[in-house]
């Protein structure tokens, strides 16, 4: 079985709170024994359960930030 351990190394931001108290969060997470990456996903209040998410390297997150800053919202 694959190593599915994780450690939230840094809570960067809570984006929103949904039903049941789950939060959409941007965190820096180390999956298994790998280096931490930026991770955007829903988490249960105790951080024991999670939804599907997206994981970004620092370079990918910088690129996304540039693209978002260019949007007219």
C-alpha atoms as a PDB file:
ATOM      1  CA  UNK A   1       0.000   0.000   0.000  1.00  0.00           C
ATOM      2  CA  UNK A   2       1.231   3.507  -0.812  1.00  0.00           C
ATOM      3  CA  UNK A   3       2.327   5.866   1.947  1.00  0.00           C
ATOM      4  CA  UNK A   4      -0.583   8.277   2.354  1.00  0.00           C
ATOM      5  CA  UNK A   5       0.831  10.246   5.245  1.00  0.00           C
ATOM      6  CA  UNK A   6       0.759  14.022   5.153  1.00  0.00           C
ATOM      7  CA  UNK A   7       1.806  16.940   7.291  1.00  0.00           C
ATOM      8  CA  UNK A   8       0.379  20.443   6.999  1.00  0.00           C
ATOM      9  CA  UNK A   9       3.529  22.518   7.463  1.00  0.00           C
ATOM     10  CA  UNK A  10       1.923  25.938   7.018  1.00  0.00           C
ATOM     11  CA  UNK A  11      -1.659  27.197   6.974  1.00  0.00           C
ATOM     12  CA  UNK A  12      -1.507  29.959   4.352  1.00  0.00           C
ATOM     13  CA  UNK A  13      -5.189  30.968   4.061  1.00  0.00           C
ATOM     14  CA  UNK A  14      -8.780  29.893   4.537  1.00  0.00           C
ATOM     15  CA  UNK A  15     -10.547  30.761   1.282  1.00  0.00           C
ATOM     16  CA  UNK A  16     -14.097  29.885   2.365  1.00  0.00           C
ATOM     17  CA  UNK A  17     -16.108  27.799   4.818  1.00  0.00           C
ATOM     18  CA  UNK A  18     -18.712  25.389   3.532  1.00  0.00           C
ATOM     19  CA  UNK A  19     -21.392  23.116   4.913  1.00  0.00           C
ATOM     20  CA  UNK A  20     -20.468  21.138   7.977  1.00  0.00           C
ATOM     21  CA  UNK A  21     -17.591  23.487   8.785  1.00  0.00           C
ATOM     22  CA  UNK A  22     -15.303  22.240   6.013  1.00  0.00           C
ATOM     23  CA  UNK A  23     -12.844  24.902   4.843  1.00  0.00           C
ATOM     24  CA  UNK A  24     -11.369  25.475   1.410  1.00  0.00           C
ATOM     25  CA  UNK A  25      -7.756  26.141   2.387  1.00  0.00           C
ATOM     26  CA  UNK A  26      -4.416  26.983   0.835  1.00  0.00           C
ATOM     27  CA  UNK A  27      -1.763  25.166   2.834  1.00  0.00           C
ATOM     28  CA  UNK A  28       1.802  24.030   2.434  1.00  0.00           C
ATOM     29  CA  UNK A  29       1.589  20.235   2.719  1.00  0.00           C
ATOM     30  CA  UNK A  30       4.234  17.517   2.687  1.00  0.00           C
ATOM     31  CA  UNK A  31       2.766  14.315   1.210  1.00  0.00           C
ATOM     32  CA  UNK A  32       4.573  11.173   2.322  1.00  0.00           C
ATOM     33  CA  UNK A  33       8.264  11.895   2.683  1.00  0.00           C
ATOM     34  CA  UNK A  34       8.329  14.441  -0.155  1.00  0.00           C
ATOM     35  CA  UNK A  35       9.035  18.148   0.129  1.00  0.00           C
ATOM     36  CA  UNK A  36       6.055  20.363   0.951  1.00  0.00           C
ATOM     37  CA  UNK A  37       4.096  21.973  -1.885  1.00  0.00           C
ATOM     38  CA  UNK A  38       1.257  24.453  -1.956  1.00  0.00           C
ATOM     39  CA  UNK A  39      -2.077  22.672  -1.786  1.00  0.00           C
ATOM     40  CA  UNK A  40      -5.620  23.964  -2.381  1.00  0.00           C
ATOM     41  CA  UNK A  41      -8.422  21.682  -1.152  1.00  0.00           C
ATOM     42  CA  UNK A  42     -11.316  21.280   1.282  1.00  0.00           C
ATOM     43  CA  UNK A  43     -10.508  20.051   4.775  1.00  0.00           C
ATOM     44  CA  UNK A  44     -12.702  18.848   7.620  1.00  0.00           C
ATOM     45  CA  UNK A  45     -12.508  20.964  10.785  1.00  0.00           C
ATOM     46  CA  UNK A  46     -10.044  18.518  12.414  1.00  0.00           C
ATOM     47  CA  UNK A  47      -7.918  18.141   9.237  1.00  0.00           C
ATOM     48  CA  UNK A  48      -8.384  14.359   9.312  1.00  0.00           C
ATOM     49  CA  UNK A  49     -10.521  14.216   6.145  1.00  0.00           C
ATOM     50  CA  UNK A  50      -9.979  16.031   2.876  1.00  0.00           C
ATOM     51  CA  UNK A  51     -11.602  16.575  -0.477  1.00  0.00           C
ATOM     52  CA  UNK A  52      -9.989  16.495  -3.890  1.00  0.00           C
ATOM     53  CA  UNK A  53      -7.557  19.288  -4.486  1.00  0.00           C
ATOM     54  CA  UNK A  54      -4.763  20.828  -6.488  1.00  0.00           C
ATOM     55  CA  UNK A  55      -1.077  20.838  -5.603  1.00  0.00           C
ATOM     56  CA  UNK A  56       1.355  23.478  -6.884  1.00  0.00           C
ATOM     57  CA  UNK A  57       5.099  23.984  -6.816  1.00  0.00           C
ATOM     58  CA  UNK A  58       6.249  27.468  -5.844  1.00  0.00           C
ATOM     59  CA  UNK A  59       6.871  28.283  -9.509  1.00  0.00           C
ATOM     60  CA  UNK A  60       3.399  27.081 -10.541  1.00  0.00           C
ATOM     61  CA  UNK A  61       1.756  29.127  -7.780  1.00  0.00           C
ATOM     62  CA  UNK A  62       3.710  32.240  -8.839  1.00  0.00           C
ATOM     63  CA  UNK A  63       2.527  31.735 -12.423  1.00  0.00           C
ATOM     64  CA  UNK A  64      -1.078  31.291 -11.277  1.00  0.00           C
ATOM     65  CA  UNK A  65      -0.815  34.433  -9.150  1.00  0.00           C
ATOM     66  CA  UNK A  66       0.358  36.440 -12.180  1.00  0.00           C
ATOM     67  CA  UNK A  67      -2.543  35.114 -14.264  1.00  0.00           C
ATOM     68  CA  UNK A  68      -5.085  35.893 -11.526  1.00  0.00           C
ATOM     69  CA  UNK A  69      -3.699  39.399 -11.019  1.00  0.00           C
ATOM     70  CA  UNK A  70      -4.238  40.068 -14.739  1.00  0.00           C
ATOM     71  CA  UNK A  71      -7.952  39.184 -14.546  1.00  0.00           C
ATOM     72  CA  UNK A  72     -10.583  41.908 -14.433  1.00  0.00           C
ATOM     73  CA  UNK A  73     -12.835  40.799 -11.591  1.00  0.00           C
END
